[in-house]
């Protein structure tokens, strides 16, 4: 495997990680609102 391939794989993982993080934050926010109401 070339270094470029590894860099691409890493940036893909980073994107997925950011998306997952955003979804988790969103769900936490929704759950907190549900619990408060």
C-alpha atoms as a PDB file:
ATOM      1  CA  UNK A   1       0.000   0.000   0.000  1.00  0.00           C
ATOM      2  CA  UNK A   2       1.195   3.451  -0.875  1.00  0.00           C
ATOM      3  CA  UNK A   3       1.362   6.288   1.614  1.00  0.00           C
ATOM      4  CA  UNK A   4      -1.237   8.190  -0.417  1.00  0.00           C
ATOM      5  CA  UNK A   5      -3.720   5.327  -0.003  1.00  0.00           C
ATOM      6  CA  UNK A   6      -3.176   5.362   3.744  1.00  0.00           C
ATOM      7  CA  UNK A   7      -3.703   9.133   3.871  1.00  0.00           C
ATOM      8  CA  UNK A   8      -6.959   8.750   1.933  1.00  0.00           C
ATOM      9  CA  UNK A   9      -8.148   6.001   4.264  1.00  0.00           C
ATOM     10  CA  UNK A  10      -7.330   8.170   7.274  1.00  0.00           C
ATOM     11  CA  UNK A  11      -9.221  11.177   5.948  1.00  0.00           C
ATOM     12  CA  UNK A  12     -12.206   8.920   5.174  1.00  0.00           C
ATOM     13  CA  UNK A  13     -12.140   7.638   8.751  1.00  0.00           C
ATOM     14  CA  UNK A  14     -11.898  11.182  10.052  1.00  0.00           C
ATOM     15  CA  UNK A  15     -14.979  12.182   8.056  1.00  0.00           C
ATOM     16  CA  UNK A  16     -16.959   9.201   9.361  1.00  0.00           C
ATOM     17  CA  UNK A  17     -15.821   9.981  12.912  1.00  0.00           C
ATOM     18  CA  UNK A  18     -16.981  13.596  12.612  1.00  0.00           C
ATOM     19  CA  UNK A  19     -20.354  12.501  11.223  1.00  0.00           C
ATOM     20  CA  UNK A  20     -20.835   9.943  13.995  1.00  0.00           C
ATOM     21  CA  UNK A  21     -19.912  12.565  16.582  1.00  0.00           C
ATOM     22  CA  UNK A  22     -22.436  15.011  15.159  1.00  0.00           C
ATOM     23  CA  UNK A  23     -25.181  12.367  15.214  1.00  0.00           C
ATOM     24  CA  UNK A  24     -24.387  11.446  18.824  1.00  0.00           C
ATOM     25  CA  UNK A  25     -24.478  15.105  19.890  1.00  0.00           C
ATOM     26  CA  UNK A  26     -27.819  15.528  18.115  1.00  0.00           C
ATOM     27  CA  UNK A  27     -29.313  12.486  19.846  1.00  0.00           C
ATOM     28  CA  UNK A  28     -27.983  13.590  23.248  1.00  0.00           C
ATOM     29  CA  UNK A  29     -29.622  16.964  22.704  1.00  0.00           C
ATOM     30  CA  UNK A  30     -32.944  15.377  21.746  1.00  0.00           C
ATOM     31  CA  UNK A  31     -32.870  12.998  24.726  1.00  0.00           C
ATOM     32  CA  UNK A  32     -32.059  15.824  27.143  1.00  0.00           C
ATOM     33  CA  UNK A  33     -34.993  17.817  25.799  1.00  0.00           C
ATOM     34  CA  UNK A  34     -37.308  14.829  26.135  1.00  0.00           C
ATOM     35  CA  UNK A  35     -36.213  14.223  29.716  1.00  0.00           C
ATOM     36  CA  UNK A  36     -36.702  17.877  30.650  1.00  0.00           C
ATOM     37  CA  UNK A  37     -40.192  18.199  29.206  1.00  0.00           C
END
